[in-house]
N, C-alpha and C. Protein backbone atom coordinates (compact mmCIF):
# COMPACT_ATOMS: atom_id res chain seq x y z
N UNK A 1 -71.90 54.11 -95.81
CA UNK A 1 -71.91 55.57 -95.85
C UNK A 1 -72.01 56.14 -94.45
N UNK A 2 -71.33 57.20 -94.22
CA UNK A 2 -71.38 57.86 -92.93
C UNK A 2 -72.60 58.76 -92.86
N UNK A 3 -73.10 59.03 -91.65
CA UNK A 3 -74.25 59.93 -91.52
C UNK A 3 -73.93 61.31 -92.07
N UNK A 4 -74.94 61.96 -92.56
CA UNK A 4 -74.79 63.30 -93.07
C UNK A 4 -74.45 64.25 -91.93
N UNK A 5 -73.45 65.08 -92.13
CA UNK A 5 -73.10 66.08 -91.12
C UNK A 5 -72.69 67.34 -91.86
N UNK A 6 -73.17 68.45 -91.40
CA UNK A 6 -72.80 69.71 -92.02
C UNK A 6 -72.13 70.59 -91.00
N UNK A 7 -71.29 71.51 -91.48
CA UNK A 7 -70.57 72.37 -90.55
C UNK A 7 -71.20 73.75 -90.44
N UNK A 8 -72.27 74.00 -91.19
CA UNK A 8 -72.91 75.31 -91.07
C UNK A 8 -73.59 75.42 -89.71
N UNK A 9 -73.70 76.63 -89.21
CA UNK A 9 -74.28 76.83 -87.88
C UNK A 9 -75.79 76.88 -87.96
N UNK A 10 -76.42 76.55 -86.86
CA UNK A 10 -77.88 76.61 -86.79
C UNK A 10 -78.33 78.06 -86.85
N UNK A 11 -79.50 78.27 -87.39
CA UNK A 11 -80.05 79.63 -87.46
C UNK A 11 -80.26 80.17 -86.05
N UNK A 12 -80.19 81.48 -85.92
CA UNK A 12 -80.48 82.09 -84.61
C UNK A 12 -81.88 81.71 -84.21
N UNK A 13 -82.04 81.40 -82.94
CA UNK A 13 -83.33 80.93 -82.44
C UNK A 13 -83.85 81.88 -81.40
N UNK A 14 -85.09 82.31 -81.54
CA UNK A 14 -85.76 83.09 -80.51
C UNK A 14 -86.32 82.07 -79.54
N UNK A 15 -85.58 81.84 -78.45
CA UNK A 15 -85.90 80.73 -77.55
C UNK A 15 -87.28 80.85 -76.91
N UNK A 16 -87.82 82.02 -76.81
CA UNK A 16 -89.13 82.13 -76.18
C UNK A 16 -90.25 81.65 -77.10
N UNK A 17 -89.97 81.51 -78.38
CA UNK A 17 -91.00 81.08 -79.33
C UNK A 17 -90.58 79.86 -80.14
N UNK A 18 -89.39 79.36 -79.88
CA UNK A 18 -88.87 78.27 -80.69
C UNK A 18 -89.51 76.94 -80.31
N UNK A 19 -89.73 76.11 -81.31
CA UNK A 19 -90.16 74.74 -81.06
C UNK A 19 -88.96 73.96 -80.56
N UNK A 20 -89.23 72.96 -79.77
CA UNK A 20 -88.14 72.10 -79.31
C UNK A 20 -87.64 71.25 -80.47
N UNK A 21 -86.37 70.95 -80.48
CA UNK A 21 -85.81 70.14 -81.57
C UNK A 21 -86.04 68.66 -81.33
N UNK A 22 -85.82 67.88 -82.36
CA UNK A 22 -85.77 66.43 -82.23
C UNK A 22 -84.41 66.11 -81.60
N UNK A 23 -84.42 65.31 -80.53
CA UNK A 23 -83.19 64.97 -79.82
C UNK A 23 -83.03 63.45 -79.82
N UNK A 24 -81.81 62.99 -80.12
CA UNK A 24 -81.49 61.58 -80.23
C UNK A 24 -80.41 61.22 -79.22
N UNK A 25 -80.48 60.00 -78.70
CA UNK A 25 -79.42 59.50 -77.84
C UNK A 25 -79.14 58.05 -78.23
N UNK A 26 -77.89 57.65 -78.05
CA UNK A 26 -77.47 56.30 -78.39
C UNK A 26 -76.78 55.67 -77.19
N UNK A 27 -77.17 54.45 -76.88
CA UNK A 27 -76.44 53.63 -75.91
C UNK A 27 -75.54 52.72 -76.74
N UNK A 28 -74.36 52.42 -76.20
CA UNK A 28 -73.38 51.67 -76.99
C UNK A 28 -72.75 50.54 -76.19
N UNK A 29 -72.03 49.70 -76.91
CA UNK A 29 -71.36 48.55 -76.31
C UNK A 29 -70.19 48.97 -75.43
N UNK A 30 -69.79 50.21 -75.54
CA UNK A 30 -68.66 50.75 -74.80
C UNK A 30 -68.18 52.00 -75.50
N UNK A 31 -66.97 52.41 -75.21
CA UNK A 31 -66.38 53.56 -75.87
C UNK A 31 -65.14 53.12 -76.64
N UNK A 32 -64.75 53.93 -77.59
CA UNK A 32 -63.51 53.67 -78.31
C UNK A 32 -63.66 52.74 -79.49
N UNK A 33 -62.50 52.36 -80.01
CA UNK A 33 -62.42 51.55 -81.21
C UNK A 33 -63.21 50.25 -81.04
N UNK A 34 -64.02 49.96 -82.02
CA UNK A 34 -64.77 48.72 -82.01
C UNK A 34 -66.15 48.81 -81.37
N UNK A 35 -66.43 49.91 -80.65
CA UNK A 35 -67.74 50.02 -80.02
C UNK A 35 -68.81 50.27 -81.08
N UNK A 36 -70.04 49.96 -80.74
CA UNK A 36 -71.13 50.05 -81.70
C UNK A 36 -72.43 50.38 -80.97
N UNK A 37 -73.43 50.85 -81.72
CA UNK A 37 -74.71 51.21 -81.09
C UNK A 37 -75.50 49.96 -80.71
N UNK A 38 -76.12 50.01 -79.52
CA UNK A 38 -76.96 48.89 -79.10
C UNK A 38 -78.41 49.33 -78.88
N UNK A 39 -78.62 50.63 -78.73
CA UNK A 39 -79.97 51.16 -78.55
C UNK A 39 -79.98 52.60 -79.05
N UNK A 40 -81.02 52.94 -79.80
CA UNK A 40 -81.19 54.31 -80.28
C UNK A 40 -82.58 54.76 -79.87
N UNK A 41 -82.63 55.97 -79.33
CA UNK A 41 -83.90 56.56 -78.96
C UNK A 41 -83.92 58.03 -79.34
N UNK A 42 -85.10 58.53 -79.63
CA UNK A 42 -85.23 59.96 -79.91
C UNK A 42 -86.57 60.45 -79.42
N UNK A 43 -86.66 61.76 -79.27
CA UNK A 43 -87.90 62.42 -78.91
C UNK A 43 -88.15 63.51 -79.94
N UNK A 44 -89.32 63.48 -80.54
CA UNK A 44 -89.69 64.48 -81.54
C UNK A 44 -90.10 65.79 -80.86
N UNK A 45 -90.21 66.87 -81.62
CA UNK A 45 -90.61 68.15 -81.03
C UNK A 45 -91.95 68.10 -80.28
N UNK A 46 -92.86 67.23 -80.71
CA UNK A 46 -94.15 67.14 -80.03
C UNK A 46 -94.11 66.25 -78.79
N UNK A 47 -92.94 65.70 -78.46
CA UNK A 47 -92.79 64.86 -77.27
C UNK A 47 -92.92 63.37 -77.53
N UNK A 48 -93.28 62.99 -78.75
CA UNK A 48 -93.37 61.57 -79.10
C UNK A 48 -91.99 60.94 -79.02
N UNK A 49 -91.90 59.81 -78.31
CA UNK A 49 -90.62 59.13 -78.13
C UNK A 49 -90.59 57.83 -78.93
N UNK A 50 -89.38 57.46 -79.34
CA UNK A 50 -89.13 56.21 -80.05
C UNK A 50 -87.85 55.61 -79.49
N UNK A 51 -87.83 54.30 -79.35
CA UNK A 51 -86.63 53.63 -78.85
C UNK A 51 -86.59 52.22 -79.40
N UNK A 52 -85.40 51.73 -79.75
CA UNK A 52 -85.27 50.35 -80.20
C UNK A 52 -83.89 49.81 -79.85
N UNK A 53 -83.86 48.52 -79.57
CA UNK A 53 -82.60 47.81 -79.37
C UNK A 53 -82.07 47.38 -80.72
N UNK A 54 -80.74 47.26 -80.82
CA UNK A 54 -80.09 46.88 -82.06
C UNK A 54 -79.32 45.59 -81.83
N UNK A 55 -79.63 44.57 -82.62
CA UNK A 55 -78.90 43.31 -82.53
C UNK A 55 -77.49 43.51 -83.09
N UNK A 56 -76.47 43.05 -82.38
CA UNK A 56 -75.10 43.22 -82.89
C UNK A 56 -74.90 42.45 -84.20
N UNK A 57 -74.26 43.11 -85.14
CA UNK A 57 -73.87 42.45 -86.37
C UNK A 57 -72.81 41.41 -86.03
N UNK A 58 -72.59 40.46 -86.91
CA UNK A 58 -71.61 39.40 -86.66
C UNK A 58 -70.22 39.94 -86.34
N UNK A 59 -69.85 41.03 -87.00
CA UNK A 59 -68.51 41.60 -86.80
C UNK A 59 -68.43 42.56 -85.62
N UNK A 60 -69.55 42.83 -84.97
CA UNK A 60 -69.58 43.72 -83.82
C UNK A 60 -69.33 42.90 -82.56
N UNK A 61 -68.10 42.83 -82.12
CA UNK A 61 -67.76 41.95 -81.01
C UNK A 61 -67.33 42.68 -79.74
N UNK A 62 -67.00 43.96 -79.84
CA UNK A 62 -66.55 44.72 -78.67
C UNK A 62 -67.64 44.73 -77.60
N UNK A 63 -67.26 44.49 -76.35
CA UNK A 63 -68.23 44.58 -75.26
C UNK A 63 -67.53 45.05 -74.01
N UNK A 64 -68.08 46.07 -73.36
CA UNK A 64 -67.51 46.64 -72.15
C UNK A 64 -68.49 46.44 -71.00
N UNK A 65 -68.08 45.66 -70.01
CA UNK A 65 -68.94 45.37 -68.86
C UNK A 65 -69.33 46.62 -68.09
N UNK A 66 -68.43 47.63 -68.04
CA UNK A 66 -68.76 48.88 -67.35
C UNK A 66 -69.92 49.59 -68.05
N UNK A 67 -69.90 49.59 -69.38
CA UNK A 67 -71.00 50.21 -70.14
C UNK A 67 -72.30 49.44 -69.87
N UNK A 68 -72.23 48.12 -69.83
CA UNK A 68 -73.43 47.33 -69.56
C UNK A 68 -74.00 47.64 -68.18
N UNK A 69 -73.13 47.80 -67.19
CA UNK A 69 -73.61 48.15 -65.85
C UNK A 69 -74.29 49.52 -65.84
N UNK A 70 -73.83 50.43 -66.69
CA UNK A 70 -74.43 51.76 -66.74
C UNK A 70 -75.81 51.73 -67.38
N UNK A 71 -75.92 51.11 -68.56
CA UNK A 71 -77.21 51.13 -69.27
C UNK A 71 -78.09 49.93 -68.96
N UNK A 72 -77.52 48.87 -68.40
CA UNK A 72 -78.32 47.72 -68.02
C UNK A 72 -78.80 46.84 -69.16
N UNK A 73 -78.16 46.97 -70.31
CA UNK A 73 -78.55 46.20 -71.49
C UNK A 73 -77.48 45.13 -71.73
N UNK A 74 -77.88 43.87 -71.65
CA UNK A 74 -76.91 42.79 -71.86
C UNK A 74 -76.84 42.41 -73.34
N UNK A 75 -75.73 41.79 -73.69
CA UNK A 75 -75.57 41.31 -75.07
C UNK A 75 -76.64 40.25 -75.37
N UNK A 76 -76.96 39.42 -74.39
CA UNK A 76 -77.99 38.39 -74.59
C UNK A 76 -79.35 39.02 -74.87
N UNK A 77 -79.68 40.11 -74.16
CA UNK A 77 -80.94 40.82 -74.40
C UNK A 77 -80.97 41.36 -75.84
N UNK A 78 -79.87 41.90 -76.30
CA UNK A 78 -79.80 42.42 -77.68
C UNK A 78 -80.00 41.30 -78.69
N UNK A 79 -79.38 40.17 -78.43
CA UNK A 79 -79.51 39.05 -79.37
C UNK A 79 -80.93 38.50 -79.40
N UNK A 80 -81.63 38.56 -78.28
CA UNK A 80 -83.02 38.08 -78.22
C UNK A 80 -84.02 39.10 -78.79
N UNK A 81 -83.82 40.40 -78.46
CA UNK A 81 -84.85 41.39 -78.77
C UNK A 81 -84.41 42.51 -79.72
N UNK A 82 -83.14 42.53 -80.06
CA UNK A 82 -82.65 43.58 -80.94
C UNK A 82 -83.10 43.39 -82.38
N UNK A 83 -83.17 44.49 -83.08
CA UNK A 83 -83.52 44.48 -84.50
C UNK A 83 -82.25 44.66 -85.32
N UNK A 84 -82.26 44.23 -86.55
CA UNK A 84 -81.07 44.32 -87.40
C UNK A 84 -80.73 45.78 -87.70
N UNK A 85 -79.46 46.00 -88.00
CA UNK A 85 -79.00 47.34 -88.37
C UNK A 85 -79.80 47.86 -89.56
N UNK A 86 -80.09 47.01 -90.52
CA UNK A 86 -80.86 47.43 -91.71
C UNK A 86 -82.27 47.87 -91.34
N UNK A 87 -82.92 47.12 -90.46
CA UNK A 87 -84.27 47.50 -90.01
C UNK A 87 -84.27 48.84 -89.28
N UNK A 88 -83.31 48.99 -88.36
CA UNK A 88 -83.26 50.21 -87.56
C UNK A 88 -82.92 51.41 -88.44
N UNK A 89 -81.95 51.27 -89.33
CA UNK A 89 -81.59 52.37 -90.23
C UNK A 89 -82.79 52.78 -91.09
N UNK A 90 -83.51 51.80 -91.62
CA UNK A 90 -84.68 52.10 -92.46
C UNK A 90 -85.75 52.84 -91.66
N UNK A 91 -85.99 52.40 -90.41
CA UNK A 91 -87.01 53.06 -89.60
C UNK A 91 -86.58 54.47 -89.21
N UNK A 92 -85.31 54.64 -88.85
CA UNK A 92 -84.83 55.99 -88.54
C UNK A 92 -84.99 56.91 -89.75
N UNK A 93 -84.63 56.41 -90.92
CA UNK A 93 -84.78 57.22 -92.14
C UNK A 93 -86.24 57.58 -92.41
N UNK A 94 -87.13 56.65 -92.17
CA UNK A 94 -88.55 56.92 -92.41
C UNK A 94 -89.07 57.95 -91.40
N UNK A 95 -88.72 57.80 -90.13
CA UNK A 95 -89.26 58.67 -89.09
C UNK A 95 -88.58 60.03 -89.00
N UNK A 96 -87.32 60.11 -89.42
CA UNK A 96 -86.55 61.35 -89.23
C UNK A 96 -86.19 62.06 -90.54
N UNK A 97 -86.72 61.62 -91.64
CA UNK A 97 -86.37 62.16 -92.96
C UNK A 97 -86.41 63.68 -93.00
N UNK A 98 -85.33 64.27 -93.45
CA UNK A 98 -85.25 65.71 -93.65
C UNK A 98 -85.02 66.54 -92.40
N UNK A 99 -84.99 65.93 -91.25
CA UNK A 99 -84.84 66.67 -89.98
C UNK A 99 -83.38 66.93 -89.62
N UNK A 100 -83.19 67.99 -88.86
CA UNK A 100 -81.96 68.15 -88.10
C UNK A 100 -82.24 67.47 -86.78
N UNK A 101 -81.39 66.54 -86.39
CA UNK A 101 -81.56 65.77 -85.17
C UNK A 101 -80.37 66.08 -84.28
N UNK A 102 -80.63 66.42 -83.03
CA UNK A 102 -79.59 66.91 -82.12
C UNK A 102 -79.22 65.88 -81.07
N UNK A 103 -77.95 65.87 -80.71
CA UNK A 103 -77.44 64.98 -79.67
C UNK A 103 -76.45 65.76 -78.81
N UNK A 104 -76.13 65.21 -77.65
CA UNK A 104 -75.23 65.93 -76.75
C UNK A 104 -73.78 65.46 -76.84
N UNK A 105 -73.54 64.35 -77.50
CA UNK A 105 -72.19 63.82 -77.59
C UNK A 105 -71.90 63.48 -79.05
N UNK A 106 -71.82 64.53 -79.86
CA UNK A 106 -71.77 64.37 -81.31
C UNK A 106 -70.66 63.44 -81.78
N UNK A 107 -69.47 63.56 -81.22
CA UNK A 107 -68.34 62.75 -81.70
C UNK A 107 -68.62 61.25 -81.57
N UNK A 108 -69.12 60.82 -80.43
CA UNK A 108 -69.44 59.40 -80.25
C UNK A 108 -70.69 59.02 -81.03
N UNK A 109 -71.75 59.83 -80.90
CA UNK A 109 -73.01 59.48 -81.56
C UNK A 109 -72.86 59.42 -83.08
N UNK A 110 -72.08 60.34 -83.64
CA UNK A 110 -71.84 60.33 -85.09
C UNK A 110 -71.15 59.03 -85.50
N UNK A 111 -70.14 58.63 -84.73
CA UNK A 111 -69.40 57.41 -85.04
C UNK A 111 -70.31 56.19 -84.96
N UNK A 112 -71.13 56.11 -83.91
CA UNK A 112 -72.03 54.96 -83.76
C UNK A 112 -73.11 54.95 -84.83
N UNK A 113 -73.63 56.12 -85.16
CA UNK A 113 -74.63 56.20 -86.23
C UNK A 113 -74.01 55.80 -87.57
N UNK A 114 -72.78 56.22 -87.82
CA UNK A 114 -72.08 55.84 -89.05
C UNK A 114 -71.91 54.33 -89.12
N UNK A 115 -71.58 53.73 -87.99
CA UNK A 115 -71.40 52.27 -87.97
C UNK A 115 -72.72 51.57 -88.29
N UNK A 116 -73.82 52.06 -87.73
CA UNK A 116 -75.13 51.49 -88.01
C UNK A 116 -75.47 51.60 -89.49
N UNK A 117 -75.34 52.80 -90.05
CA UNK A 117 -75.72 53.02 -91.44
C UNK A 117 -74.76 52.33 -92.41
N UNK A 118 -73.47 52.24 -92.06
CA UNK A 118 -72.52 51.48 -92.90
C UNK A 118 -72.94 50.01 -92.96
N UNK A 119 -73.30 49.44 -91.81
CA UNK A 119 -73.73 48.04 -91.77
C UNK A 119 -75.00 47.82 -92.58
N UNK A 120 -75.86 48.83 -92.61
CA UNK A 120 -77.12 48.74 -93.36
C UNK A 120 -76.93 49.09 -94.83
N UNK A 121 -75.72 49.51 -95.20
CA UNK A 121 -75.40 49.88 -96.58
C UNK A 121 -76.34 50.97 -97.12
N UNK A 122 -76.57 51.96 -96.28
CA UNK A 122 -77.42 53.09 -96.68
C UNK A 122 -76.92 54.35 -95.99
N UNK A 123 -77.51 55.47 -96.34
CA UNK A 123 -77.15 56.75 -95.74
C UNK A 123 -78.35 57.31 -94.98
N UNK A 124 -78.09 58.08 -93.94
CA UNK A 124 -79.22 58.68 -93.22
C UNK A 124 -79.92 59.75 -94.04
N UNK A 125 -81.21 59.87 -93.82
CA UNK A 125 -82.02 60.88 -94.50
C UNK A 125 -82.18 62.12 -93.62
N UNK A 126 -81.40 62.20 -92.55
CA UNK A 126 -81.45 63.30 -91.59
C UNK A 126 -80.03 63.76 -91.29
N UNK A 127 -79.93 64.92 -90.65
CA UNK A 127 -78.62 65.48 -90.30
C UNK A 127 -78.45 65.42 -88.78
N UNK A 128 -77.34 64.87 -88.34
CA UNK A 128 -77.03 64.82 -86.92
C UNK A 128 -76.25 66.08 -86.56
N UNK A 129 -76.72 66.80 -85.56
CA UNK A 129 -76.12 68.07 -85.14
C UNK A 129 -75.85 68.02 -83.63
N UNK A 130 -75.00 68.90 -83.18
CA UNK A 130 -74.70 68.97 -81.74
C UNK A 130 -75.68 69.91 -81.05
N UNK A 131 -76.23 69.45 -79.93
CA UNK A 131 -77.19 70.23 -79.16
C UNK A 131 -76.64 71.60 -78.78
N UNK A 132 -75.35 71.69 -78.59
CA UNK A 132 -74.71 72.95 -78.20
C UNK A 132 -74.97 74.06 -79.22
N UNK A 133 -75.19 73.69 -80.48
CA UNK A 133 -75.46 74.68 -81.53
C UNK A 133 -76.71 75.50 -81.24
N UNK A 134 -77.59 74.97 -80.40
CA UNK A 134 -78.86 75.62 -80.12
C UNK A 134 -78.81 76.51 -78.87
N UNK A 135 -77.63 76.60 -78.26
CA UNK A 135 -77.55 77.33 -76.99
C UNK A 135 -76.61 78.53 -77.07
N UNK A 136 -77.03 79.58 -76.40
CA UNK A 136 -76.14 80.73 -76.20
C UNK A 136 -75.09 80.32 -75.17
N UNK A 137 -74.08 81.14 -74.98
CA UNK A 137 -73.06 80.87 -73.94
C UNK A 137 -73.73 80.73 -72.58
N UNK A 138 -74.64 81.63 -72.28
CA UNK A 138 -75.33 81.61 -70.99
C UNK A 138 -76.13 80.32 -70.81
N UNK A 139 -76.85 79.92 -71.84
CA UNK A 139 -77.64 78.69 -71.76
C UNK A 139 -76.72 77.49 -71.57
N UNK A 140 -75.61 77.45 -72.30
CA UNK A 140 -74.66 76.34 -72.17
C UNK A 140 -74.08 76.26 -70.77
N UNK A 141 -73.83 77.40 -70.15
CA UNK A 141 -73.30 77.43 -68.79
C UNK A 141 -74.28 76.85 -67.78
N UNK A 142 -75.57 76.94 -68.06
CA UNK A 142 -76.60 76.46 -67.13
C UNK A 142 -77.16 75.09 -67.50
N UNK A 143 -76.70 74.53 -68.61
CA UNK A 143 -77.29 73.29 -69.12
C UNK A 143 -77.12 72.12 -68.16
N UNK A 144 -75.92 71.91 -67.63
CA UNK A 144 -75.69 70.77 -66.74
C UNK A 144 -76.57 70.85 -65.49
N UNK A 145 -76.71 72.05 -64.93
CA UNK A 145 -77.59 72.21 -63.77
C UNK A 145 -79.04 71.92 -64.14
N UNK A 146 -79.46 72.39 -65.30
CA UNK A 146 -80.83 72.13 -65.77
C UNK A 146 -81.05 70.63 -65.95
N UNK A 147 -80.06 69.97 -66.50
CA UNK A 147 -80.16 68.52 -66.72
C UNK A 147 -80.30 67.78 -65.39
N UNK A 148 -79.50 68.15 -64.42
CA UNK A 148 -79.59 67.51 -63.09
C UNK A 148 -80.96 67.73 -62.47
N UNK A 149 -81.49 68.93 -62.61
CA UNK A 149 -82.82 69.25 -62.07
C UNK A 149 -83.89 68.40 -62.74
N UNK A 150 -83.84 68.29 -64.05
CA UNK A 150 -84.82 67.50 -64.81
C UNK A 150 -84.70 66.02 -64.42
N UNK A 151 -83.49 65.51 -64.33
CA UNK A 151 -83.29 64.10 -63.95
C UNK A 151 -83.86 63.82 -62.57
N UNK A 152 -83.63 64.72 -61.63
CA UNK A 152 -84.18 64.54 -60.27
C UNK A 152 -85.71 64.53 -60.30
N UNK A 153 -86.30 65.47 -61.03
CA UNK A 153 -87.76 65.57 -61.08
C UNK A 153 -88.41 64.38 -61.77
N UNK A 154 -87.76 63.87 -62.81
CA UNK A 154 -88.33 62.74 -63.54
C UNK A 154 -88.13 61.41 -62.82
N UNK A 155 -87.12 61.35 -61.98
CA UNK A 155 -86.80 60.13 -61.23
C UNK A 155 -86.76 58.89 -62.13
N UNK A 156 -86.02 58.98 -63.21
CA UNK A 156 -85.92 57.85 -64.13
C UNK A 156 -85.17 56.71 -63.47
N UNK A 157 -85.68 55.52 -63.66
CA UNK A 157 -85.07 54.35 -63.04
C UNK A 157 -84.09 53.65 -63.96
N UNK A 158 -84.17 53.94 -65.25
CA UNK A 158 -83.29 53.28 -66.21
C UNK A 158 -82.52 54.32 -67.01
N UNK A 159 -81.29 53.99 -67.32
CA UNK A 159 -80.47 54.82 -68.19
C UNK A 159 -80.64 54.26 -69.59
N UNK A 160 -81.62 54.80 -70.32
CA UNK A 160 -81.92 54.29 -71.64
C UNK A 160 -81.99 55.45 -72.64
N UNK A 161 -81.87 55.11 -73.92
CA UNK A 161 -81.71 56.11 -74.96
C UNK A 161 -82.88 57.09 -75.06
N UNK A 162 -84.12 56.62 -75.10
CA UNK A 162 -85.23 57.56 -75.25
C UNK A 162 -85.42 58.41 -74.00
N UNK A 163 -85.20 57.83 -72.83
CA UNK A 163 -85.28 58.61 -71.59
C UNK A 163 -84.21 59.69 -71.56
N UNK A 164 -83.00 59.32 -71.97
CA UNK A 164 -81.91 60.30 -72.01
C UNK A 164 -82.20 61.40 -73.02
N UNK A 165 -82.78 61.04 -74.17
CA UNK A 165 -83.13 62.04 -75.18
C UNK A 165 -84.18 63.00 -74.63
N UNK A 166 -85.15 62.48 -73.88
CA UNK A 166 -86.18 63.34 -73.29
C UNK A 166 -85.56 64.29 -72.27
N UNK A 167 -84.65 63.79 -71.45
CA UNK A 167 -83.97 64.65 -70.47
C UNK A 167 -83.21 65.76 -71.19
N UNK A 168 -82.52 65.43 -72.25
CA UNK A 168 -81.78 66.44 -73.01
C UNK A 168 -82.72 67.49 -73.59
N UNK A 169 -83.83 67.04 -74.18
CA UNK A 169 -84.78 67.97 -74.79
C UNK A 169 -85.39 68.88 -73.72
N UNK A 170 -85.78 68.31 -72.59
CA UNK A 170 -86.39 69.11 -71.53
C UNK A 170 -85.36 70.05 -70.87
N UNK A 171 -84.12 69.63 -70.81
CA UNK A 171 -83.06 70.49 -70.26
C UNK A 171 -82.83 71.69 -71.18
N UNK A 172 -82.85 71.44 -72.47
CA UNK A 172 -82.73 72.54 -73.42
C UNK A 172 -83.89 73.52 -73.24
N UNK A 173 -85.10 72.97 -73.12
CA UNK A 173 -86.27 73.83 -72.91
C UNK A 173 -86.11 74.66 -71.65
N UNK A 174 -85.56 74.05 -70.60
CA UNK A 174 -85.38 74.76 -69.34
C UNK A 174 -84.39 75.92 -69.50
N UNK A 175 -83.28 75.70 -70.17
CA UNK A 175 -82.32 76.80 -70.33
C UNK A 175 -82.84 77.86 -71.31
N UNK A 176 -83.76 77.46 -72.17
CA UNK A 176 -84.41 78.42 -73.06
C UNK A 176 -85.51 79.18 -72.34
N UNK A 177 -85.95 78.67 -71.17
CA UNK A 177 -87.05 79.30 -70.45
C UNK A 177 -88.39 78.88 -70.99
N UNK A 178 -88.47 77.70 -71.62
CA UNK A 178 -89.67 77.19 -72.27
C UNK A 178 -90.48 76.36 -71.28
N UNK A 179 -91.78 76.50 -71.26
CA UNK A 179 -92.63 75.75 -70.33
C UNK A 179 -92.63 74.24 -70.60
N UNK A 180 -92.12 73.81 -71.74
CA UNK A 180 -92.06 72.38 -72.04
C UNK A 180 -91.10 71.65 -71.11
N UNK A 181 -90.31 72.38 -70.33
CA UNK A 181 -89.39 71.74 -69.40
C UNK A 181 -90.08 71.23 -68.15
N UNK A 182 -91.35 71.54 -68.00
CA UNK A 182 -92.10 71.03 -66.85
C UNK A 182 -92.11 69.52 -66.90
N UNK A 183 -91.76 68.83 -65.80
CA UNK A 183 -91.68 67.37 -65.82
C UNK A 183 -92.97 66.69 -66.27
N UNK A 184 -94.11 67.32 -66.14
CA UNK A 184 -95.35 66.70 -66.58
C UNK A 184 -95.60 66.86 -68.07
N UNK A 185 -94.79 67.67 -68.73
CA UNK A 185 -95.03 67.97 -70.14
C UNK A 185 -94.53 66.84 -71.03
N UNK A 186 -95.37 66.34 -71.87
CA UNK A 186 -95.03 65.40 -72.92
C UNK A 186 -94.18 64.23 -72.46
N UNK A 187 -94.60 63.54 -71.45
CA UNK A 187 -93.83 62.40 -70.97
C UNK A 187 -94.33 61.08 -71.53
N UNK A 188 -95.15 61.14 -72.54
CA UNK A 188 -95.67 59.90 -73.13
C UNK A 188 -94.56 59.10 -73.78
């Protein structure tokens, strides 16, 4: 089953009082046909982060060395420390049940999430949405600059899913004018 996706728009948000959304990011074996998720991370509205590696299924054979150089996750590391698609799908469903979960690259993330849940023979209990739905035109125009500022301040040493999700969430807070964008906020 493919992940649940709806085409209705997000409710209008008063950004000065809005809670931050749950934000998810996925690292993958590469891009395009045959690619699959290798790490999923998310950050909840309260700042709690979750991240896990995913062991490739037997039929998941695509591997792109350029992607590995970017995220630093080897296929051998996944085979040693990754969890099965079924385990990861079950945990995501338990932790994210009923939520709207936002990502910045919906087309790729939706496809990779669908591949995970198809392999697990289950459906997600949450809805994957595009982060852009939460931004006005003005906020969207400033998002990339906000993201660069947050990345510089956090000085992250690894390109990993939960770190990327945190950067996305804090960047959204910054364009909303929310104090949660402070680099010291909720970095646990």
